[in-house]
Protein backbone atom coordinates (compact mmCIF):
# COMPACT_ATOMS: atom_id res chain seq x y z
CA MET A 1 -65.18 -45.84 -100.42
CA PRO A 2 -65.38 -49.66 -100.61
CA ILE A 3 -62.10 -51.63 -100.78
CA PHE A 4 -62.32 -54.76 -102.90
CA GLU A 5 -60.38 -58.01 -102.79
CA VAL A 6 -59.52 -59.98 -105.93
CA LEU A 7 -58.57 -63.65 -106.34
CA ILE A 8 -56.58 -64.72 -109.44
CA VAL A 9 -56.51 -68.47 -110.23
CA ASP A 10 -54.26 -70.12 -112.86
CA ASP A 11 -52.07 -73.20 -112.81
CA ILE A 12 -49.21 -71.20 -114.38
CA PRO A 13 -47.68 -68.90 -111.70
CA SER A 14 -46.17 -66.53 -114.25
CA GLN A 15 -49.61 -65.95 -115.72
CA VAL A 16 -51.00 -65.09 -112.27
CA ASP A 17 -48.14 -62.68 -111.56
CA SER A 18 -48.51 -61.05 -114.98
CA ILE A 19 -52.24 -60.43 -114.54
CA ALA A 20 -51.76 -59.10 -111.00
CA ALA A 21 -49.06 -56.71 -112.15
CA THR A 22 -51.33 -55.11 -114.76
CA ILE A 23 -54.20 -54.30 -112.34
CA PRO A 24 -54.23 -50.61 -111.19
CA LYS A 25 -55.12 -51.31 -107.55
CA ASP A 26 -55.43 -47.71 -106.33
CA GLU A 27 -57.53 -46.59 -109.28
CA LEU A 28 -59.96 -49.49 -108.86
CA ARG A 29 -60.00 -49.33 -105.02
CA ILE A 30 -58.61 -52.87 -104.75
CA GLY A 31 -57.12 -53.53 -101.33
CA HIS A 32 -55.51 -56.92 -101.88
CA ILE A 33 -54.92 -59.40 -104.72
CA HIS A 34 -54.89 -63.07 -103.66
CA LYS A 35 -53.17 -65.70 -105.83
CA ALA A 36 -53.99 -69.40 -106.22
CA PHE A 37 -52.45 -72.01 -108.56
CA THR A 38 -55.04 -74.80 -108.16
CA GLY A 39 -58.78 -75.04 -107.75
CA GLU A 40 -58.47 -76.47 -104.23
CA GLU A 41 -56.14 -73.68 -103.15
CA ALA A 42 -58.57 -71.13 -104.61
CA LEU A 43 -61.50 -72.61 -102.67
CA LYS A 44 -59.50 -72.48 -99.43
CA LEU A 45 -58.68 -68.79 -99.97
CA TYR A 46 -62.28 -68.05 -100.97
CA ARG A 47 -63.60 -69.57 -97.74
CA GLU A 48 -61.11 -67.66 -95.57
CA GLN A 49 -61.16 -64.24 -97.27
CA ASN A 50 -63.85 -61.75 -98.26
CA ILE A 51 -63.35 -62.08 -102.00
CA HIS A 52 -65.33 -59.76 -104.29
CA ILE A 53 -63.95 -60.68 -107.72
CA VAL A 54 -62.54 -64.02 -108.95
CA ILE A 55 -60.46 -64.20 -112.13
CA THR A 56 -59.98 -67.83 -113.14
CA ASP A 57 -58.57 -69.82 -115.99
CA ILE A 58 -60.76 -72.49 -117.58
CA ARG A 59 -58.14 -75.14 -118.26
CA MET A 60 -56.50 -76.37 -115.03
CA PRO A 61 -55.48 -79.87 -113.88
CA GLU A 62 -57.52 -81.78 -111.27
CA MET A 63 -60.20 -79.10 -110.72
CA ASN A 64 -60.86 -77.00 -113.81
CA GLY A 65 -62.35 -73.50 -113.89
CA ILE A 66 -65.93 -74.63 -114.47
CA GLU A 67 -65.81 -76.99 -111.46
CA LEU A 68 -64.29 -74.22 -109.35
CA ILE A 69 -67.06 -71.81 -110.34
CA ARG A 70 -69.72 -74.45 -109.54
CA GLU A 71 -68.23 -74.95 -106.05
CA ILE A 72 -68.09 -71.19 -105.45
CA ARG A 73 -71.72 -70.68 -106.50
CA GLU A 74 -72.92 -73.48 -104.23
CA MET A 75 -71.52 -71.57 -101.24
CA GLY A 76 -74.19 -68.95 -101.86
CA ARG A 77 -72.03 -65.83 -101.54
CA LYS A 78 -72.28 -63.09 -104.14
CA VAL A 79 -69.07 -62.72 -106.13
CA LYS A 80 -68.17 -61.44 -109.59
CA ILE A 81 -66.36 -64.00 -111.79
CA ILE A 82 -64.20 -63.30 -114.85
CA VAL A 83 -63.22 -66.26 -117.02
CA ILE A 84 -59.92 -66.30 -118.97
CA SER A 85 -58.93 -68.90 -121.53
CA GLY A 86 -56.29 -69.49 -124.14
CA TYR A 87 -58.84 -71.18 -126.37
CA ALA A 88 -60.54 -69.21 -129.04
CA ASP A 89 -63.39 -71.68 -129.08
CA PHE A 90 -66.26 -69.68 -127.51
CA GLU A 91 -68.58 -72.72 -127.42
CA TYR A 92 -66.38 -74.27 -124.77
CA ALA A 93 -66.49 -71.06 -122.73
CA GLN A 94 -70.30 -71.12 -122.91
CA GLY A 95 -70.20 -73.98 -120.40
CA VAL A 96 -69.52 -71.31 -117.81
CA VAL A 97 -72.66 -69.27 -118.58
CA PRO A 98 -75.06 -71.30 -116.35
CA TYR A 99 -72.95 -70.32 -113.34
CA ASN A 100 -73.54 -66.60 -113.82
CA THR A 101 -70.12 -65.29 -114.81
CA SER A 102 -69.51 -61.59 -115.31
CA GLY A 103 -67.06 -61.53 -118.21
CA TYR A 104 -64.77 -63.46 -120.57
CA LEU A 105 -61.20 -62.58 -121.61
CA MET A 106 -58.81 -64.26 -123.99
CA LYS A 107 -55.18 -65.04 -123.23
CA PRO A 108 -52.93 -63.20 -123.30
CA VAL A 109 -55.03 -60.83 -121.26
CA ASN A 110 -55.25 -57.30 -122.61
CA PRO A 111 -54.48 -54.98 -119.61
CA GLU A 112 -56.81 -52.26 -120.89
CA GLN A 113 -59.72 -54.69 -121.34
CA LEU A 114 -59.08 -56.13 -117.87
CA ARG A 115 -58.96 -52.65 -116.31
CA GLU A 116 -62.22 -51.66 -118.03
CA MET A 117 -63.96 -54.84 -116.95
CA LEU A 118 -62.74 -54.57 -113.34
CA GLY A 119 -63.83 -50.92 -113.22
CA LYS A 120 -67.31 -51.86 -114.36
CA LEU A 121 -67.55 -54.68 -111.82
CA SER A 122 -66.29 -52.48 -108.99
CA GLU A 123 -69.07 -49.99 -109.72
CA GLU A 124 -71.63 -52.80 -109.72
CA ILE A 125 -70.31 -54.09 -106.39
CA THR A 126 -70.41 -50.57 -104.90
CA CYS A 127 -74.07 -50.16 -105.91
CA GLU A 128 -74.92 -53.62 -104.55
CA MET A 129 -73.20 -52.81 -101.25
CA LYS A 130 -75.15 -49.56 -100.92
CA LEU A 131 -78.39 -51.36 -101.72
CA GLN A 132 -77.58 -54.07 -99.19
CA GLN A 133 -76.80 -51.47 -96.52
CA GLN A 134 -80.06 -49.67 -97.23
CA GLN A 135 -81.96 -52.94 -97.03
CA GLN A 136 -80.29 -53.70 -93.71
CA ARG A 137 -81.28 -50.26 -92.42
CA ASP A 138 -84.83 -50.79 -93.66
CA VAL A 139 -85.05 -54.19 -91.99
CA TYR A 140 -83.65 -52.74 -88.75
CA ALA A 141 -86.11 -49.81 -88.85
CA PHE A 142 -89.00 -52.17 -89.57
CA ARG A 143 -88.06 -54.47 -86.69
CA GLU A 144 -87.68 -51.51 -84.37
CA ASN A 145 -91.11 -50.19 -85.33
CA LEU A 146 -92.84 -53.55 -85.63
CA PRO A 147 -94.41 -53.49 -82.11
CA ARG A 148 -95.76 -49.98 -82.72
CA LEU A 149 -97.19 -50.94 -86.13
CA GLN A 150 -98.81 -54.05 -84.65
CA SER A 151 -100.27 -51.97 -81.82
CA GLU A 152 -101.67 -49.33 -84.20
CA LEU A 153 -103.38 -51.98 -86.32
CA LEU A 154 -104.99 -53.60 -83.27
CA ASN A 155 -106.22 -50.22 -82.04
CA ARG A 156 -107.90 -49.71 -85.40
CA LEU A 157 -109.62 -53.09 -85.11
CA LEU A 158 -110.77 -52.38 -81.55
CA HIS A 159 -112.72 -49.38 -82.80
CA ASP A 160 -113.97 -51.05 -85.99
CA ASN A 161 -112.25 -48.73 -88.46
CA GLY A 162 -113.52 -50.76 -91.39
CA ILE A 163 -110.32 -52.25 -92.80
CA PRO A 164 -111.13 -54.23 -95.98
CA PHE A 165 -110.43 -57.95 -95.52
CA ALA A 166 -107.88 -58.07 -98.36
CA GLU A 167 -105.94 -55.18 -96.83
CA LEU A 168 -106.17 -56.72 -93.36
CA GLU A 169 -104.83 -60.07 -94.57
CA ARG A 170 -101.90 -58.29 -96.23
CA LYS A 171 -101.12 -56.31 -93.07
CA LEU A 172 -101.32 -59.42 -90.88
CA PHE A 173 -98.79 -61.11 -93.16
CA LEU A 174 -96.42 -58.13 -93.37
CA LEU A 175 -96.55 -57.51 -89.60
CA ASP A 176 -95.96 -61.19 -88.79
CA LEU A 177 -99.26 -61.59 -86.94
CA PRO A 178 -100.49 -65.23 -86.92
CA PHE A 179 -104.20 -64.38 -86.91
CA ALA A 180 -106.61 -65.52 -89.61
CA LEU A 181 -109.99 -64.24 -90.79
CA ASN A 182 -112.99 -66.00 -89.20
CA GLN A 183 -110.76 -67.56 -86.54
CA GLU A 184 -112.12 -67.52 -82.98
CA VAL A 185 -110.37 -65.05 -80.70
CA GLY A 186 -110.62 -64.18 -77.02
CA MET A 187 -109.69 -61.00 -75.18
CA PHE A 188 -108.63 -59.65 -71.81
CA ILE A 189 -107.46 -56.26 -70.58
CA VAL A 190 -104.99 -55.37 -67.84
CA ARG A 191 -105.25 -52.19 -65.77
CA LEU A 192 -102.22 -51.05 -63.79
CA GLU A 193 -103.24 -49.60 -60.44
CA GLY A 194 -101.90 -47.74 -57.44
CA ARG A 195 -98.18 -47.06 -57.59
CA LEU A 196 -97.89 -48.82 -60.95
CA GLN A 197 -100.15 -46.15 -62.41
CA GLU A 198 -98.13 -43.27 -61.04
CA TYR A 199 -94.88 -43.87 -62.92
CA GLU A 200 -93.62 -41.32 -65.43
CA SER A 201 -94.03 -42.13 -69.11
CA MET A 202 -90.73 -43.94 -69.67
CA ASP A 203 -90.93 -45.97 -66.46
CA ARG A 204 -94.57 -46.75 -67.22
CA GLU A 205 -93.54 -48.15 -70.62
CA LEU A 206 -91.01 -50.42 -68.89
CA ILE A 207 -93.71 -51.71 -66.55
CA GLU A 208 -96.02 -52.39 -69.50
CA TYR A 209 -93.17 -54.09 -71.36
CA ALA A 210 -92.63 -56.35 -68.34
CA VAL A 211 -96.33 -57.27 -68.22
CA THR A 212 -96.46 -58.13 -71.94
CA ASN A 213 -93.29 -60.23 -71.60
CA MET A 214 -94.83 -62.18 -68.72
CA ALA A 215 -97.97 -62.73 -70.79
CA GLU A 216 -95.99 -64.05 -73.74
CA GLU A 217 -94.04 -66.43 -71.52
CA LEU A 218 -97.25 -67.80 -69.97
CA PHE A 219 -99.24 -68.09 -73.20
CA ARG A 220 -96.73 -68.92 -75.94
CA ASP A 221 -96.99 -72.70 -75.74
CA VAL A 222 -100.71 -72.85 -76.61
CA PHE A 223 -101.81 -69.34 -77.64
CA HIS A 224 -100.89 -66.52 -79.99
CA LEU A 225 -100.99 -63.09 -78.36
CA TRP A 226 -101.47 -59.67 -79.92
CA PHE A 227 -101.52 -56.66 -77.65
CA CYS A 228 -101.62 -52.86 -77.57
CA ARG A 229 -102.21 -49.98 -75.20
CA ASP A 230 -105.56 -48.30 -75.83
CA HIS A 231 -106.53 -44.66 -75.29
CA ASN A 232 -107.60 -45.51 -71.72
CA GLU A 233 -104.04 -46.75 -71.07
CA TYR A 234 -105.25 -50.30 -70.56
CA LEU A 235 -103.20 -53.16 -71.99
CA VAL A 236 -105.49 -55.01 -74.39
CA PHE A 237 -104.65 -58.62 -75.35
CA VAL A 238 -106.27 -60.53 -78.22
CA VAL A 239 -105.78 -64.30 -77.99
CA SER A 240 -106.01 -67.10 -80.58
CA ALA A 241 -105.27 -70.82 -80.30
CA LYS A 242 -102.09 -72.30 -81.75
CA GLY A 243 -102.37 -75.31 -84.03
CA LYS A 244 -101.12 -78.70 -82.85
CA ALA A 245 -98.75 -80.98 -84.74
CA ASP A 246 -100.33 -84.07 -86.30
CA THR A 247 -98.77 -87.54 -86.58
CA ASN A 248 -96.79 -86.43 -89.64
CA GLY A 249 -95.30 -83.46 -87.85
CA GLN A 250 -97.47 -80.96 -89.78
CA THR A 251 -99.06 -78.13 -87.81
CA GLN A 252 -102.83 -78.10 -88.13
CA GLU A 253 -104.78 -74.87 -88.13
CA ALA A 254 -106.49 -74.24 -84.79
CA THR A 255 -109.92 -72.64 -84.58
CA ALA A 256 -111.36 -72.99 -81.04
CA ILE A 257 -109.87 -71.55 -77.87
CA ASP A 258 -109.44 -73.72 -74.78
CA ARG A 259 -111.30 -71.40 -72.40
CA ILE A 260 -110.32 -73.19 -69.21
CA THR A 261 -106.63 -73.00 -70.11
CA MET A 262 -106.98 -69.35 -71.07
CA ASP A 263 -108.70 -68.54 -67.77
CA VAL A 264 -105.94 -70.30 -65.82
CA ARG A 265 -103.18 -68.49 -67.73
CA VAL A 266 -104.79 -65.08 -67.20
CA ALA A 267 -105.06 -65.78 -63.47
CA MET A 268 -101.40 -66.81 -63.44
CA LEU A 269 -100.47 -63.57 -65.23
CA LYS A 270 -102.26 -61.48 -62.59
CA LYS A 271 -100.51 -63.30 -59.74
CA LYS A 272 -97.09 -63.13 -61.38
CA ALA A 273 -97.37 -59.45 -62.35
CA GLU A 274 -98.45 -58.37 -58.87
CA SER A 275 -95.69 -60.42 -57.27
CA LEU A 276 -92.80 -59.30 -59.49
CA LEU A 277 -93.91 -55.66 -59.89
CA ASN A 278 -94.95 -55.28 -56.27
CA GLY A 279 -98.18 -53.56 -57.23
CA SER A 280 -101.84 -54.11 -58.00
CA VAL A 281 -103.45 -54.94 -61.35
CA SER A 282 -107.04 -55.63 -62.34
CA ILE A 283 -107.91 -57.90 -65.26
CA ALA A 284 -111.18 -58.19 -67.18
CA LEU A 285 -111.47 -61.40 -69.22
CA ALA A 286 -114.11 -61.92 -71.90
CA VAL A 287 -115.60 -65.35 -71.23
CA ASN A 288 -117.02 -65.53 -74.76
CA GLY A 289 -114.99 -65.86 -77.92
CA MET A 290 -115.80 -64.08 -81.17
CA SER A 291 -114.91 -64.35 -84.84
CA PHE A 292 -111.93 -62.34 -86.02
CA PRO A 293 -112.06 -59.49 -86.93
CA GLU A 294 -115.81 -58.74 -86.83
CA GLY A 295 -116.22 -59.69 -83.18
CA VAL A 296 -113.21 -57.76 -81.86
CA PRO A 297 -114.98 -54.38 -81.29
CA GLY A 298 -117.82 -56.09 -79.38
CA LEU A 299 -115.41 -58.02 -77.17
CA TYR A 300 -113.45 -54.85 -76.50
CA ARG A 301 -116.54 -52.85 -75.50
CA SER A 302 -117.69 -55.64 -73.22
CA VAL A 303 -114.46 -55.89 -71.21
CA ILE A 304 -114.05 -52.08 -71.05
CA ASP A 305 -117.62 -51.68 -69.86
CA GLY A 306 -117.10 -54.44 -67.30
CA MET A 307 -114.02 -52.70 -65.93
CA ARG A 308 -115.78 -49.36 -65.71
CA ARG A 309 -118.71 -50.78 -63.79
CA VAL A 310 -116.41 -51.62 -60.90
CA GLU A 311 -117.13 -49.58 -57.83
CA GLU A 312 -114.78 -46.65 -57.39
CA GLY A 313 -111.66 -47.43 -55.38
CA ARG A 314 -111.69 -51.22 -55.77
CA GLN A 315 -108.44 -52.70 -57.06
CA GLY A 316 -106.75 -56.02 -57.71
CA LEU A 317 -109.82 -57.56 -59.35
CA PHE A 318 -110.19 -60.49 -61.73
CA LEU A 319 -113.42 -59.99 -63.68
CA ARG A 320 -114.96 -62.58 -65.99
CA ILE A 321 -117.21 -60.77 -68.47
CA THR A 322 -120.02 -62.65 -70.20
CA GLY A 323 -121.64 -61.36 -73.40
CA THR A 324 -120.78 -58.42 -75.65
CA LEU A 325 -122.22 -55.00 -76.33
CA ASP A 326 -122.98 -55.68 -79.98
CA GLN A 327 -126.60 -54.82 -79.35
CA VAL A 328 -125.73 -51.24 -78.36
CA ARG A 329 -126.59 -48.66 -80.99
CA ILE A 330 -123.68 -46.29 -81.36
CA GLY A 331 -124.81 -42.72 -81.93
CA THR A 332 -124.35 -39.20 -80.66
CA LEU A 333 -125.42 -38.10 -77.21
CA THR A 334 -128.59 -36.15 -77.93
CA SER A 335 -128.63 -34.08 -74.76
CA LEU A 336 -124.98 -33.08 -75.04
CA TYR A 337 -125.46 -31.34 -78.40
CA ARG A 338 -129.05 -30.11 -78.23
CA PRO A 339 -128.97 -26.30 -77.98
CA PRO A 340 -128.53 -24.34 -75.91
CA LEU A 341 -125.15 -25.95 -75.24
CA LEU A 342 -123.76 -26.17 -71.72
CA ILE A 343 -120.94 -23.77 -72.55
CA HIS A 344 -123.39 -21.10 -73.68
CA LEU A 345 -125.66 -21.55 -70.68
CA LEU A 346 -122.67 -21.02 -68.40
CA ASP A 347 -121.39 -18.14 -70.52
CA THR A 348 -124.68 -16.28 -70.14
CA GLY A 349 -124.94 -16.98 -66.43
CA ASN A 350 -127.97 -19.22 -66.81
CA TRP A 351 -126.99 -21.46 -63.89
CA HIS A 352 -130.42 -23.01 -63.35
CA HIS A 353 -130.71 -24.25 -66.93
CA ALA A 354 -127.03 -25.24 -66.96
CA GLU A 355 -127.64 -27.50 -63.98
CA GLU A 356 -130.69 -28.97 -65.69
CA LYS A 357 -128.51 -29.57 -68.75
CA LEU A 358 -125.99 -31.52 -66.66
CA ILE A 359 -128.76 -33.61 -65.11
CA GLU A 360 -130.16 -34.32 -68.58
CA ILE A 361 -126.73 -35.41 -69.90
CA PHE A 362 -126.11 -37.85 -67.06
CA ASP A 363 -129.67 -39.15 -67.13
CA GLU A 364 -129.16 -40.04 -70.78
CA LEU A 365 -125.80 -41.69 -70.10
CA LYS A 366 -127.34 -43.80 -67.35
CA SER A 367 -130.59 -44.62 -69.15
CA VAL A 368 -128.94 -46.51 -72.02
CA ASP A 369 -126.01 -48.90 -71.78
CA TYR A 370 -123.73 -46.62 -73.76
CA PRO A 371 -120.16 -47.73 -74.58
CA PRO A 372 -117.41 -46.09 -72.50
CA GLU A 373 -116.46 -43.70 -75.31
CA HIS A 374 -119.60 -41.69 -74.61
CA ALA A 375 -118.49 -40.96 -71.06
CA ASN A 376 -115.20 -39.65 -72.46
CA GLU A 377 -117.11 -37.58 -74.99
CA ALA A 378 -119.22 -36.03 -72.25
CA TYR A 379 -116.16 -35.43 -70.08
CA PHE A 380 -114.29 -33.45 -72.73
CA ALA A 381 -117.35 -31.34 -73.61
CA ILE A 382 -118.06 -30.52 -69.95
CA ALA A 383 -114.41 -29.88 -69.11
CA ASN A 384 -114.12 -27.56 -72.13
CA ALA A 385 -117.12 -25.52 -70.91
CA TYR A 386 -115.70 -25.28 -67.39
CA GLN A 387 -112.24 -24.28 -68.59
CA TYR A 388 -113.72 -21.61 -70.84
CA MET A 389 -115.56 -20.05 -67.91
CA ALA A 390 -112.53 -20.16 -65.65
CA HIS A 391 -110.21 -18.65 -68.26
CA LYS A 392 -112.79 -15.96 -69.11
CA LYS A 393 -112.51 -14.81 -65.49
CA GLY A 394 -108.72 -14.91 -65.61
CA LYS A 395 -108.44 -18.03 -63.49
CA LEU A 396 -107.28 -21.61 -63.86
CA LEU A 397 -109.89 -24.28 -63.45
CA SER A 398 -107.71 -25.84 -60.75
CA GLU A 399 -108.47 -22.74 -58.63
CA PHE A 400 -112.09 -23.90 -58.45
CA GLY A 401 -111.27 -27.41 -57.24
CA ALA A 402 -110.04 -30.64 -58.81
CA SER A 403 -109.80 -29.46 -62.43
CA SER A 404 -110.04 -32.74 -64.29
CA PHE A 405 -108.95 -36.34 -64.53
CA GLY A 406 -105.90 -35.26 -66.52
CA LEU A 407 -105.32 -37.84 -69.24
CA MET A 408 -107.67 -40.19 -67.42
CA PRO A 409 -105.19 -43.07 -67.07
CA ALA A 410 -107.73 -45.10 -65.11
CA ALA A 411 -110.71 -44.23 -67.34
CA PRO A 412 -113.10 -42.87 -64.65
CA SER A 413 -116.43 -44.53 -64.17
CA LEU A 414 -119.67 -42.73 -64.95
CA LYS A 415 -120.19 -42.31 -61.20
CA GLN A 416 -116.81 -40.61 -60.82
CA LEU A 417 -117.47 -38.36 -63.81
CA GLU A 418 -120.86 -37.27 -62.51
CA LYS A 419 -119.46 -36.53 -59.05
CA TRP A 420 -116.68 -34.41 -60.57
CA ALA A 421 -118.99 -32.54 -62.98
CA PHE A 422 -121.43 -31.36 -60.30
CA PHE A 423 -118.65 -30.55 -57.82
CA ILE A 424 -116.92 -28.21 -60.27
CA PHE A 425 -120.27 -26.77 -61.31
CA ARG A 426 -121.06 -25.80 -57.70
CA CYS A 427 -117.60 -24.29 -57.25
CA LEU A 428 -117.93 -22.22 -60.41
CA ARG A 429 -121.41 -21.07 -59.49
CA GLU A 430 -120.44 -19.99 -55.98
CA GLN A 431 -117.59 -17.82 -57.23
CA LEU A 432 -119.02 -16.49 -60.48
CA GLU A 433 -122.77 -16.15 -60.04
CA ASN A 434 -123.98 -12.56 -60.03
CA SER A 435 -126.51 -11.97 -57.28
CA SER A 436 -128.19 -9.10 -59.09
CA LEU A 437 -128.69 -11.27 -62.15
CA LYS A 438 -130.23 -13.95 -59.97
CA GLN A 439 -132.71 -11.45 -58.46
CA ALA A 440 -133.68 -9.76 -61.69
CA GLY A 441 -134.01 -12.92 -63.73
CA LEU A 442 -133.54 -10.80 -66.86
CA VAL A 443 -131.36 -13.28 -68.73
CA ASP A 444 -133.70 -16.16 -67.90
CA LYS A 445 -136.63 -14.22 -69.33
CA VAL A 446 -134.72 -13.36 -72.49
CA HIS A 447 -133.53 -16.94 -73.07
CA LYS A 448 -136.95 -18.42 -72.42
CA PHE A 449 -138.59 -16.06 -74.89
CA VAL A 450 -135.92 -16.75 -77.54
CA GLU A 451 -136.32 -20.53 -77.19
CA GLN A 452 -140.11 -20.35 -77.45
CA ASN A 453 -140.29 -17.90 -80.39
CA MET A 454 -137.79 -19.18 -82.90
CA ASN A 455 -140.32 -19.31 -85.74
CA ASP A 456 -141.69 -15.78 -85.25
CA ASN A 457 -140.29 -12.40 -86.17
CA LEU A 458 -137.74 -12.53 -83.37
CA SER A 459 -135.82 -9.29 -82.92
CA LEU A 460 -134.50 -6.98 -80.25
CA GLN A 461 -137.65 -4.88 -80.56
CA THR A 462 -140.05 -7.82 -80.03
CA LEU A 463 -137.97 -9.00 -77.10
CA ALA A 464 -137.97 -5.57 -75.49
CA ALA A 465 -141.72 -5.22 -75.95
CA GLN A 466 -142.31 -8.64 -74.36
CA ILE A 467 -140.12 -7.89 -71.33
CA GLY A 468 -141.27 -4.29 -71.01
CA LEU A 469 -137.96 -2.51 -71.53
CA HIS A 470 -136.62 -0.08 -74.12
CA PRO A 471 -134.59 -1.98 -76.77
CA ALA A 472 -131.44 0.07 -76.14
CA TYR A 473 -131.69 -0.45 -72.38
CA LEU A 474 -132.37 -4.19 -72.80
CA SER A 475 -129.31 -4.53 -75.02
CA ARG A 476 -127.07 -2.71 -72.52
CA ALA A 477 -128.49 -4.63 -69.53
CA TYR A 478 -128.04 -7.98 -71.23
CA ARG A 479 -124.45 -7.14 -72.16
CA ALA A 480 -123.74 -5.91 -68.62
CA GLU A 481 -125.11 -9.09 -67.09
CA THR A 482 -123.63 -11.64 -69.51
CA GLY A 483 -120.74 -9.89 -71.27
CA ASN A 484 -122.31 -10.87 -74.61
CA ASN A 485 -124.22 -9.09 -77.36
CA LEU A 486 -127.93 -10.06 -77.42
CA SER A 487 -128.14 -10.11 -81.21
CA GLU A 488 -125.12 -12.39 -81.37
CA TYR A 489 -126.73 -14.72 -78.84
CA ILE A 490 -129.93 -14.95 -80.90
CA LEU A 491 -127.96 -15.69 -84.08
CA ARG A 492 -125.79 -18.27 -82.34
CA TYR A 493 -128.81 -20.03 -80.85
CA ARG A 494 -130.50 -20.14 -84.25
CA MET A 495 -127.43 -21.61 -85.93
CA GLU A 496 -126.88 -24.19 -83.19
CA LEU A 497 -130.51 -25.26 -83.43
CA ALA A 498 -130.17 -25.50 -87.21
CA ALA A 499 -127.05 -27.65 -86.86
CA TYR A 500 -128.85 -29.91 -84.39
CA LEU A 501 -131.82 -30.34 -86.73
CA LEU A 502 -129.55 -31.02 -89.71
CA ARG A 503 -127.80 -33.78 -87.74
CA SER A 504 -130.74 -35.38 -86.01
CA SER A 505 -133.72 -35.01 -88.35
CA ASP A 506 -134.62 -35.54 -91.99
CA LYS A 507 -136.39 -32.17 -92.36
CA LYS A 508 -135.78 -30.28 -95.56
CA ILE A 509 -133.42 -27.30 -95.44
CA TYR A 510 -136.24 -24.83 -96.21
CA GLU A 511 -138.26 -26.36 -93.33
CA ILE A 512 -135.35 -25.90 -90.90
CA ALA A 513 -134.92 -22.31 -92.11
CA ARG A 514 -138.56 -21.55 -91.26
CA ILE A 515 -138.38 -23.31 -87.88
CA ILE A 516 -135.56 -21.05 -86.74
CA GLY A 517 -137.20 -17.91 -88.10
CA TYR A 518 -135.90 -17.38 -91.64
CA GLN A 519 -138.36 -17.20 -94.54
CA ALA A 520 -135.63 -16.49 -97.10
CA VAL A 521 -133.69 -19.74 -97.54
CA PRO A 522 -130.68 -18.13 -99.36
CA HIS A 523 -130.25 -15.75 -96.42
CA PHE A 524 -130.29 -18.68 -93.99
CA ILE A 525 -127.73 -20.58 -96.09
CA LYS A 526 -125.45 -17.53 -96.14
CA LEU A 527 -125.65 -17.09 -92.36
CA PHE A 528 -125.12 -20.81 -91.69
CA LYS A 529 -122.06 -20.90 -93.95
CA ALA A 530 -120.57 -17.92 -92.10
CA PHE A 531 -121.25 -19.74 -88.81
CA SER A 532 -119.90 -23.21 -89.73
CA ASN A 533 -117.80 -22.66 -92.89
CA MET A 534 -120.16 -25.09 -94.66
CA THR A 535 -123.51 -24.84 -96.36
CA PRO A 536 -126.37 -26.67 -94.61
CA GLN A 537 -126.25 -29.47 -97.19
CA GLU A 538 -122.46 -29.86 -96.83
CA TYR A 539 -122.88 -29.99 -93.06
CA ARG A 540 -125.59 -32.65 -93.34
CA ASP A 541 -123.51 -34.71 -95.78
CA ARG A 542 -120.50 -34.67 -93.48
CA THR A 543 -122.53 -35.76 -90.47
CA GLY A 544 -123.87 -38.78 -92.35
CA LEU A 545 -127.46 -37.78 -93.08
CA SER A 546 -128.76 -37.46 -96.60
């Protein structure tokens, strides 16, 4: 529990002793009672001790009680003040009110009234102390988490998460970020390489902390810096110009970035980081500046794309990137999600079409200048299909070769990703392909017929008649070759095609139902909901098409 200290001030010593003697110290958690017989003596004690409550007489020679209270309040410390006076004239005591006193007692002081008033004030002080401690903890927690909060906000801006301007301005203020709307900003990214990339998480954070400290030291005189680590584990720096002081000493708002100075400082950062860390780093610098915050995603995509275009294995580069990728239309990868999906082609042993699917995916990635996120998207979809096949056979993907890029700390280039995808594909095919399936071509015939006859009365019987086998035998043969039920495959293909059409076309739901072979729309809706846990319209609404 808190221990309070009290100061009693009166020019009559006997009065001070009498008041002190009536205070129940233990009951009120009072640790020490200080005594002063003049205003000057009281001020000296107040400066030297941690006084919580002052009890002072009004009438005193030289410095009276009101002057003492004024001096105490000017020191700025919080203290509770009780005024005592032998005068019954309350109007005189009102002179104390402007100085925020806590109570007024008449002489001779009633011990019970004093005890009650001190008890009330001690409770107030206890609550104020708890509140102050909580505020200190909150401030400490905020300061501890400030870098993380700043980093999270920048990551949102890099990916254009649509923060309203009013909210963004408030966050910039609260997070102590000296960036303004419509101000010109620049950007550069730093990639740790070689041994610097191989550190464990904690050591890696120390390396990144060292790089950001170097950057702040090099830039702080003319630039504001804001940085974060993105999902590629690059260090991303946003730069704005600092204002210069005018002839009156007032700082003027800066708008344009000195590009030559920024280029020089970035080059100095690269040299200093490689020297002090004894490792290699590559830096991509956006030559152009853009308006904050609208231009930030475009700048980010341009420097990331520039870094990823670097030939595999090259390190220690300083790239100057001109232009942005604002002209790129961001959308889904059509080939990646058009049925049949890669995972299902592999699952049914359709290796020829699976290889064609891979070629189609990478042709699309290379035909349009897609942002780097699309390569990551393709990687995770392909890796998921490969892992599924390996686990289905009771193996780890690593048993088939280099399993993946892990967390992709270096953000592999499209060339690296393509090389990996086809290497693992060949390894899987060599170990899992069934020679009898390859000779018979049964599954290929079934899949081809299904894909070409979606809008007809597709059934096991029509399939069997087309291929020339008894329906029961066809069903058993298909299951033996693929491990899957033929009816389930047909249903899954229909639903995947429906989902693709809902996402990528504006066809009516009844039109999609007929395309995939359902004349009864309610039946199609029921099946689609069982497949995706959403009705077709809900699915379309969630994917952004109306």
